[in-house]
ModelCIF file with pLDDT and N, C-alpha, C, O atoms, coordinates in Angstrom:
data_MODEL
#
_entry.id   MODEL 
#
_entity.id                         1 
_entity.type                       polymer 
_entity.pdbx_number_of_molecules   1 
#
_entity_poly.entity_id                      1 
_entity_poly.type                           'polypeptide(L)' 
_entity_poly.nstd_linkage                   no 
_entity_poly.nstd_monomer                   no 
_entity_poly.pdbx_seq_one_letter_code       ALALGWLWTITSVTVAGVLTGRVGTRGGATRR 
_entity_poly.pdbx_seq_one_letter_code_can   ALALGWLWTITSVTVAGVLTGRVGTRGGATRR 
_entity_poly.pdbx_strand_id                 A 
#
loop_
_entity_poly_seq.entity_id 
_entity_poly_seq.num 
_entity_poly_seq.mon_id 
_entity_poly_seq.hetero 
1 1  ALA n 
1 2  LEU n 
1 3  ALA n 
1 4  LEU n 
1 5  GLY n 
1 6  TRP n 
1 7  LEU n 
1 8  TRP n 
1 9  THR n 
1 10 ILE n 
1 11 THR n 
1 12 SER n 
1 13 VAL n 
1 14 THR n 
1 15 VAL n 
1 16 ALA n 
1 17 GLY n 
1 18 VAL n 
1 19 LEU n 
1 20 THR n 
1 21 GLY n 
1 22 ARG n 
1 23 VAL n 
1 24 GLY n 
1 25 THR n 
1 26 ARG n 
1 27 GLY n 
1 28 GLY n 
1 29 ALA n 
1 30 THR n 
1 31 ARG n 
1 32 ARG n 
#
_struct_asym.id          A 
_struct_asym.entity_id   1 
#
loop_
_ma_qa_metric.id 
_ma_qa_metric.mode 
_ma_qa_metric.name 
_ma_qa_metric.software_group_id 
_ma_qa_metric.type 
1 global pLDDT . pLDDT 
2 local  pLDDT . pLDDT 
#
_ma_qa_metric_global.metric_id      1 
_ma_qa_metric_global.metric_value   79.72 
_ma_qa_metric_global.model_id       1 
_ma_qa_metric_global.ordinal_id     1 
#
loop_
_ma_qa_metric_local.label_asym_id 
_ma_qa_metric_local.label_comp_id 
_ma_qa_metric_local.label_seq_id 
_ma_qa_metric_local.metric_id 
_ma_qa_metric_local.metric_value 
_ma_qa_metric_local.model_id 
_ma_qa_metric_local.ordinal_id 
A ALA 1  2 92.00 1 1  
A LEU 2  2 92.00 1 2  
A ALA 3  2 89.00 1 3  
A LEU 4  2 87.00 1 4  
A GLY 5  2 90.00 1 5  
A TRP 6  2 89.00 1 6  
A LEU 7  2 84.00 1 7  
A TRP 8  2 89.00 1 8  
A THR 9  2 89.00 1 9  
A ILE 10 2 85.00 1 10 
A THR 11 2 85.00 1 11 
A SER 12 2 89.00 1 12 
A VAL 13 2 86.00 1 13 
A THR 14 2 82.00 1 14 
A VAL 15 2 85.00 1 15 
A ALA 16 2 87.00 1 16 
A GLY 17 2 84.00 1 17 
A VAL 18 2 80.00 1 18 
A LEU 19 2 83.00 1 19 
A THR 20 2 85.00 1 20 
A GLY 21 2 77.00 1 21 
A ARG 22 2 74.00 1 22 
A VAL 23 2 66.00 1 23 
A GLY 24 2 61.00 1 24 
A THR 25 2 57.00 1 25 
A ARG 26 2 64.00 1 26 
A GLY 27 2 62.00 1 27 
A GLY 28 2 70.00 1 28 
A ALA 29 2 75.00 1 29 
A THR 30 2 70.00 1 30 
A ARG 31 2 70.00 1 31 
A ARG 32 2 73.00 1 32 
#
loop_
_atom_site.group_PDB 
_atom_site.id 
_atom_site.type_symbol 
_atom_site.label_atom_id 
_atom_site.label_alt_id 
_atom_site.label_comp_id 
_atom_site.label_asym_id 
_atom_site.label_entity_id 
_atom_site.label_seq_id 
_atom_site.pdbx_PDB_ins_code 
_atom_site.Cartn_x 
_atom_site.Cartn_y 
_atom_site.Cartn_z 
_atom_site.occupancy 
_atom_site.B_iso_or_equiv 
_atom_site.pdbx_formal_charge 
_atom_site.auth_seq_id 
_atom_site.auth_comp_id 
_atom_site.auth_asym_id 
_atom_site.auth_atom_id 
_atom_site.pdbx_PDB_model_num 
ATOM 1   N N  . ALA A 1 1  ? 0.440  11.282  5.561  1.00 92.00 ? 1  ALA A N  1 
ATOM 2   C CA . ALA A 1 1  ? 1.333  10.510  4.688  1.00 92.00 ? 1  ALA A CA 1 
ATOM 3   C C  . ALA A 1 1  ? 2.325  9.693   5.515  1.00 92.00 ? 1  ALA A C  1 
ATOM 4   O O  . ALA A 1 1  ? 2.622  8.548   5.173  1.00 92.00 ? 1  ALA A O  1 
ATOM 5   N N  . LEU A 1 2  ? 2.837  10.274  6.597  1.00 92.00 ? 2  LEU A N  1 
ATOM 6   C CA . LEU A 1 2  ? 3.755  9.522   7.457  1.00 92.00 ? 2  LEU A CA 1 
ATOM 7   C C  . LEU A 1 2  ? 3.048  8.351   8.143  1.00 92.00 ? 2  LEU A C  1 
ATOM 8   O O  . LEU A 1 2  ? 3.619  7.266   8.255  1.00 92.00 ? 2  LEU A O  1 
ATOM 9   N N  . ALA A 1 3  ? 1.813  8.560   8.603  1.00 89.00 ? 3  ALA A N  1 
ATOM 10  C CA . ALA A 1 3  ? 1.055  7.485   9.244  1.00 89.00 ? 3  ALA A CA 1 
ATOM 11  C C  . ALA A 1 3  ? 0.749  6.372   8.242  1.00 89.00 ? 3  ALA A C  1 
ATOM 12  O O  . ALA A 1 3  ? 0.832  5.191   8.581  1.00 89.00 ? 3  ALA A O  1 
ATOM 13  N N  . LEU A 1 4  ? 0.401  6.741   7.026  1.00 87.00 ? 4  LEU A N  1 
ATOM 14  C CA . LEU A 1 4  ? 0.133  5.724   6.005  1.00 87.00 ? 4  LEU A CA 1 
ATOM 15  C C  . LEU A 1 4  ? 1.407  4.997   5.597  1.00 87.00 ? 4  LEU A C  1 
ATOM 16  O O  . LEU A 1 4  ? 1.355  3.827   5.215  1.00 87.00 ? 4  LEU A O  1 
ATOM 17  N N  . GLY A 1 5  ? 2.547  5.672   5.673  1.00 90.00 ? 5  GLY A N  1 
ATOM 18  C CA . GLY A 1 5  ? 3.826  4.990   5.425  1.00 90.00 ? 5  GLY A CA 1 
ATOM 19  C C  . GLY A 1 5  ? 4.096  3.933   6.486  1.00 90.00 ? 5  GLY A C  1 
ATOM 20  O O  . GLY A 1 5  ? 4.582  2.846   6.175  1.00 90.00 ? 5  GLY A O  1 
ATOM 21  N N  . TRP A 1 6  ? 3.781  4.251   7.740  1.00 89.00 ? 6  TRP A N  1 
ATOM 22  C CA . TRP A 1 6  ? 3.934  3.284   8.821  1.00 89.00 ? 6  TRP A CA 1 
ATOM 23  C C  . TRP A 1 6  ? 2.962  2.113   8.618  1.00 89.00 ? 6  TRP A C  1 
ATOM 24  O O  . TRP A 1 6  ? 3.338  0.955   8.796  1.00 89.00 ? 6  TRP A O  1 
ATOM 25  N N  . LEU A 1 7  ? 1.723  2.419   8.248  1.00 84.00 ? 7  LEU A N  1 
ATOM 26  C CA . LEU A 1 7  ? 0.739  1.365   7.984  1.00 84.00 ? 7  LEU A CA 1 
ATOM 27  C C  . LEU A 1 7  ? 1.202  0.482   6.834  1.00 84.00 ? 7  LEU A C  1 
ATOM 28  O O  . LEU A 1 7  ? 1.020  -0.735  6.874  1.00 84.00 ? 7  LEU A O  1 
ATOM 29  N N  . TRP A 1 8  ? 1.802  1.089   5.801  1.00 89.00 ? 8  TRP A N  1 
ATOM 30  C CA . TRP A 1 8  ? 2.297  0.308   4.672  1.00 89.00 ? 8  TRP A CA 1 
ATOM 31  C C  . TRP A 1 8  ? 3.391  -0.650  5.132  1.00 89.00 ? 8  TRP A C  1 
ATOM 32  O O  . TRP A 1 8  ? 3.430  -1.804  4.704  1.00 89.00 ? 8  TRP A O  1 
ATOM 33  N N  . THR A 1 9  ? 4.282  -0.172  6.007  1.00 89.00 ? 9  THR A N  1 
ATOM 34  C CA . THR A 1 9  ? 5.362  -1.024  6.509  1.00 89.00 ? 9  THR A CA 1 
ATOM 35  C C  . THR A 1 9  ? 4.802  -2.220  7.270  1.00 89.00 ? 9  THR A C  1 
ATOM 36  O O  . THR A 1 9  ? 5.223  -3.355  7.046  1.00 89.00 ? 9  THR A O  1 
ATOM 37  N N  . ILE A 1 10 ? 3.856  -1.967  8.166  1.00 85.00 ? 10 ILE A N  1 
ATOM 38  C CA . ILE A 1 10 ? 3.254  -3.045  8.943  1.00 85.00 ? 10 ILE A CA 1 
ATOM 39  C C  . ILE A 1 10 ? 2.489  -4.008  8.037  1.00 85.00 ? 10 ILE A C  1 
ATOM 40  O O  . ILE A 1 10 ? 2.549  -5.224  8.217  1.00 85.00 ? 10 ILE A O  1 
ATOM 41  N N  . THR A 1 11 ? 1.771  -3.451  7.061  1.00 85.00 ? 11 THR A N  1 
ATOM 42  C CA . THR A 1 11 ? 1.030  -4.296  6.127  1.00 85.00 ? 11 THR A CA 1 
ATOM 43  C C  . THR A 1 11 ? 1.980  -5.163  5.312  1.00 85.00 ? 11 THR A C  1 
ATOM 44  O O  . THR A 1 11 ? 1.703  -6.342  5.088  1.00 85.00 ? 11 THR A O  1 
ATOM 45  N N  . SER A 1 12 ? 3.087  -4.597  4.869  1.00 89.00 ? 12 SER A N  1 
ATOM 46  C CA . SER A 1 12 ? 4.052  -5.366  4.075  1.00 89.00 ? 12 SER A CA 1 
ATOM 47  C C  . SER A 1 12 ? 4.630  -6.527  4.876  1.00 89.00 ? 12 SER A C  1 
ATOM 48  O O  . SER A 1 12 ? 4.739  -7.644  4.370  1.00 89.00 ? 12 SER A O  1 
ATOM 49  N N  . VAL A 1 13 ? 4.997  -6.261  6.120  1.00 86.00 ? 13 VAL A N  1 
ATOM 50  C CA . VAL A 1 13 ? 5.558  -7.326  6.966  1.00 86.00 ? 13 VAL A CA 1 
ATOM 51  C C  . VAL A 1 13 ? 4.515  -8.402  7.238  1.00 86.00 ? 13 VAL A C  1 
ATOM 52  O O  . VAL A 1 13 ? 4.818  -9.594  7.180  1.00 86.00 ? 13 VAL A O  1 
ATOM 53  N N  . THR A 1 14 ? 3.282  -7.983  7.537  1.00 82.00 ? 14 THR A N  1 
ATOM 54  C CA . THR A 1 14 ? 2.217  -8.944  7.841  1.00 82.00 ? 14 THR A CA 1 
ATOM 55  C C  . THR A 1 14 ? 1.865  -9.784  6.624  1.00 82.00 ? 14 THR A C  1 
ATOM 56  O O  . THR A 1 14 ? 1.723  -11.002 6.733  1.00 82.00 ? 14 THR A O  1 
ATOM 57  N N  . VAL A 1 15 ? 1.722  -9.148  5.466  1.00 85.00 ? 15 VAL A N  1 
ATOM 58  C CA . VAL A 1 15 ? 1.373  -9.892  4.245  1.00 85.00 ? 15 VAL A CA 1 
ATOM 59  C C  . VAL A 1 15 ? 2.511  -10.828 3.861  1.00 85.00 ? 15 VAL A C  1 
ATOM 60  O O  . VAL A 1 15 ? 2.262  -11.940 3.394  1.00 85.00 ? 15 VAL A O  1 
ATOM 61  N N  . ALA A 1 16 ? 3.757  -10.396 4.050  1.00 87.00 ? 16 ALA A N  1 
ATOM 62  C CA . ALA A 1 16 ? 4.883  -11.300 3.775  1.00 87.00 ? 16 ALA A CA 1 
ATOM 63  C C  . ALA A 1 16 ? 4.822  -12.511 4.696  1.00 87.00 ? 16 ALA A C  1 
ATOM 64  O O  . ALA A 1 16 ? 5.119  -13.626 4.267  1.00 87.00 ? 16 ALA A O  1 
ATOM 65  N N  . GLY A 1 17 ? 4.441  -12.310 5.951  1.00 84.00 ? 17 GLY A N  1 
ATOM 66  C CA . GLY A 1 17 ? 4.289  -13.429 6.873  1.00 84.00 ? 17 GLY A CA 1 
ATOM 67  C C  . GLY A 1 17 ? 3.157  -14.352 6.471  1.00 84.00 ? 17 GLY A C  1 
ATOM 68  O O  . GLY A 1 17 ? 3.270  -15.572 6.594  1.00 84.00 ? 17 GLY A O  1 
ATOM 69  N N  . VAL A 1 18 ? 2.060  -13.772 5.988  1.00 80.00 ? 18 VAL A N  1 
ATOM 70  C CA . VAL A 1 18 ? 0.928  -14.592 5.542  1.00 80.00 ? 18 VAL A CA 1 
ATOM 71  C C  . VAL A 1 18 ? 1.331  -15.421 4.323  1.00 80.00 ? 18 VAL A C  1 
ATOM 72  O O  . VAL A 1 18 ? 1.014  -16.608 4.241  1.00 80.00 ? 18 VAL A O  1 
ATOM 73  N N  . LEU A 1 19 ? 2.021  -14.800 3.392  1.00 83.00 ? 19 LEU A N  1 
ATOM 74  C CA . LEU A 1 19 ? 2.387  -15.510 2.162  1.00 83.00 ? 19 LEU A CA 1 
ATOM 75  C C  . LEU A 1 19 ? 3.424  -16.600 2.399  1.00 83.00 ? 19 LEU A C  1 
ATOM 76  O O  . LEU A 1 19 ? 3.427  -17.615 1.702  1.00 83.00 ? 19 LEU A O  1 
ATOM 77  N N  . THR A 1 20 ? 4.299  -16.400 3.373  1.00 85.00 ? 20 THR A N  1 
ATOM 78  C CA . THR A 1 20 ? 5.299  -17.424 3.659  1.00 85.00 ? 20 THR A CA 1 
ATOM 79  C C  . THR A 1 20 ? 4.819  -18.432 4.692  1.00 85.00 ? 20 THR A C  1 
ATOM 80  O O  . THR A 1 20 ? 5.488  -19.435 4.939  1.00 85.00 ? 20 THR A O  1 
ATOM 81  N N  . GLY A 1 21 ? 3.665  -18.173 5.296  1.00 77.00 ? 21 GLY A N  1 
ATOM 82  C CA . GLY A 1 21 ? 3.120  -19.097 6.286  1.00 77.00 ? 21 GLY A CA 1 
ATOM 83  C C  . GLY A 1 21 ? 3.714  -18.919 7.665  1.00 77.00 ? 21 GLY A C  1 
ATOM 84  O O  . GLY A 1 21 ? 3.580  -19.809 8.505  1.00 77.00 ? 21 GLY A O  1 
ATOM 85  N N  . ARG A 1 22 ? 4.362  -17.809 7.926  1.00 74.00 ? 22 ARG A N  1 
ATOM 86  C CA . ARG A 1 22 ? 4.992  -17.568 9.217  1.00 74.00 ? 22 ARG A CA 1 
ATOM 87  C C  . ARG A 1 22 ? 4.266  -16.465 9.983  1.00 74.00 ? 22 ARG A C  1 
ATOM 88  O O  . ARG A 1 22 ? 4.892  -15.491 10.401 1.00 74.00 ? 22 ARG A O  1 
ATOM 89  N N  . VAL A 1 23 ? 2.980  -16.603 10.168 1.00 66.00 ? 23 VAL A N  1 
ATOM 90  C CA . VAL A 1 23 ? 2.212  -15.617 10.920 1.00 66.00 ? 23 VAL A CA 1 
ATOM 91  C C  . VAL A 1 23 ? 2.254  -16.026 12.378 1.00 66.00 ? 23 VAL A C  1 
ATOM 92  O O  . VAL A 1 23 ? 1.792  -17.107 12.743 1.00 66.00 ? 23 VAL A O  1 
ATOM 93  N N  . GLY A 1 24 ? 2.806  -15.163 13.207 1.00 61.00 ? 24 GLY A N  1 
ATOM 94  C CA . GLY A 1 24 ? 2.925  -15.451 14.630 1.00 61.00 ? 24 GLY A CA 1 
ATOM 95  C C  . GLY A 1 24 ? 1.606  -15.260 15.358 1.00 61.00 ? 24 GLY A C  1 
ATOM 96  O O  . GLY A 1 24 ? 0.652  -14.704 14.814 1.00 61.00 ? 24 GLY A O  1 
ATOM 97  N N  . THR A 1 25 ? 1.569  -15.729 16.596 1.00 57.00 ? 25 THR A N  1 
ATOM 98  C CA . THR A 1 25 ? 0.353  -15.579 17.393 1.00 57.00 ? 25 THR A CA 1 
ATOM 99  C C  . THR A 1 25 ? 0.328  -14.264 18.143 1.00 57.00 ? 25 THR A C  1 
ATOM 100 O O  . THR A 1 25 ? -0.739 -13.808 18.554 1.00 57.00 ? 25 THR A O  1 
ATOM 101 N N  . ARG A 1 26 ? 1.484  -13.647 18.329 1.00 64.00 ? 26 ARG A N  1 
ATOM 102 C CA . ARG A 1 26 ? 1.538  -12.371 19.026 1.00 64.00 ? 26 ARG A CA 1 
ATOM 103 C C  . ARG A 1 26 ? 1.589  -11.245 18.009 1.00 64.00 ? 26 ARG A C  1 
ATOM 104 O O  . ARG A 1 26 ? 2.092  -11.417 16.899 1.00 64.00 ? 26 ARG A O  1 
ATOM 105 N N  . GLY A 1 27 ? 1.071  -10.110 18.393 1.00 62.00 ? 27 GLY A N  1 
ATOM 106 C CA . GLY A 1 27 ? 1.133  -8.971  17.488 1.00 62.00 ? 27 GLY A CA 1 
ATOM 107 C C  . GLY A 1 27 ? 0.294  -7.831  18.019 1.00 62.00 ? 27 GLY A C  1 
ATOM 108 O O  . GLY A 1 27 ? -0.518 -8.008  18.927 1.00 62.00 ? 27 GLY A O  1 
ATOM 109 N N  . GLY A 1 28 ? 0.496  -6.679  17.451 1.00 70.00 ? 28 GLY A N  1 
ATOM 110 C CA . GLY A 1 28 ? -0.208 -5.494  17.884 1.00 70.00 ? 28 GLY A CA 1 
ATOM 111 C C  . GLY A 1 28 ? -1.567 -5.359  17.233 1.00 70.00 ? 28 GLY A C  1 
ATOM 112 O O  . GLY A 1 28 ? -1.989 -6.192  16.430 1.00 70.00 ? 28 GLY A O  1 
ATOM 113 N N  . ALA A 1 29 ? -2.232 -4.292  17.602 1.00 75.00 ? 29 ALA A N  1 
ATOM 114 C CA . ALA A 1 29 ? -3.580 -4.030  17.083 1.00 75.00 ? 29 ALA A CA 1 
ATOM 115 C C  . ALA A 1 29 ? -3.552 -3.764  15.581 1.00 75.00 ? 29 ALA A C  1 
ATOM 116 O O  . ALA A 1 29 ? -4.463 -4.182  14.866 1.00 75.00 ? 29 ALA A O  1 
ATOM 117 N N  . THR A 1 30 ? -2.525 -3.080  15.095 1.00 70.00 ? 30 THR A N  1 
ATOM 118 C CA . THR A 1 30 ? -2.453 -2.775  13.669 1.00 70.00 ? 30 THR A CA 1 
ATOM 119 C C  . THR A 1 30 ? -2.266 -4.046  12.856 1.00 70.00 ? 30 THR A C  1 
ATOM 120 O O  . THR A 1 30 ? -2.858 -4.190  11.786 1.00 70.00 ? 30 THR A O  1 
ATOM 121 N N  . ARG A 1 31 ? -1.462 -4.956  13.345 1.00 70.00 ? 31 ARG A N  1 
ATOM 122 C CA . ARG A 1 31 ? -1.258 -6.231  12.653 1.00 70.00 ? 31 ARG A CA 1 
ATOM 123 C C  . ARG A 1 31 ? -2.561 -7.016  12.589 1.00 70.00 ? 31 ARG A C  1 
ATOM 124 O O  . ARG A 1 31 ? -2.885 -7.611  11.561 1.00 70.00 ? 31 ARG A O  1 
ATOM 125 N N  . ARG A 1 32 ? -3.307 -7.013  13.690 1.00 73.00 ? 32 ARG A N  1 
ATOM 126 C CA . ARG A 1 32 ? -4.602 -7.694  13.690 1.00 73.00 ? 32 ARG A CA 1 
ATOM 127 C C  . ARG A 1 32 ? -5.558 -7.029  12.702 1.00 73.00 ? 32 ARG A C  1 
ATOM 128 O O  . ARG A 1 32 ? -6.701 -7.464  12.560 1.00 73.00 ? 32 ARG A O  1 
#
């Protein structure tokens, strides 16, 4: 549950970046 909470946080930040058009070129494996 803690690992999935971390995944949810990363997913939320990444999806927010995709929706706003601010997806950076750098990022970790989970973001990819």
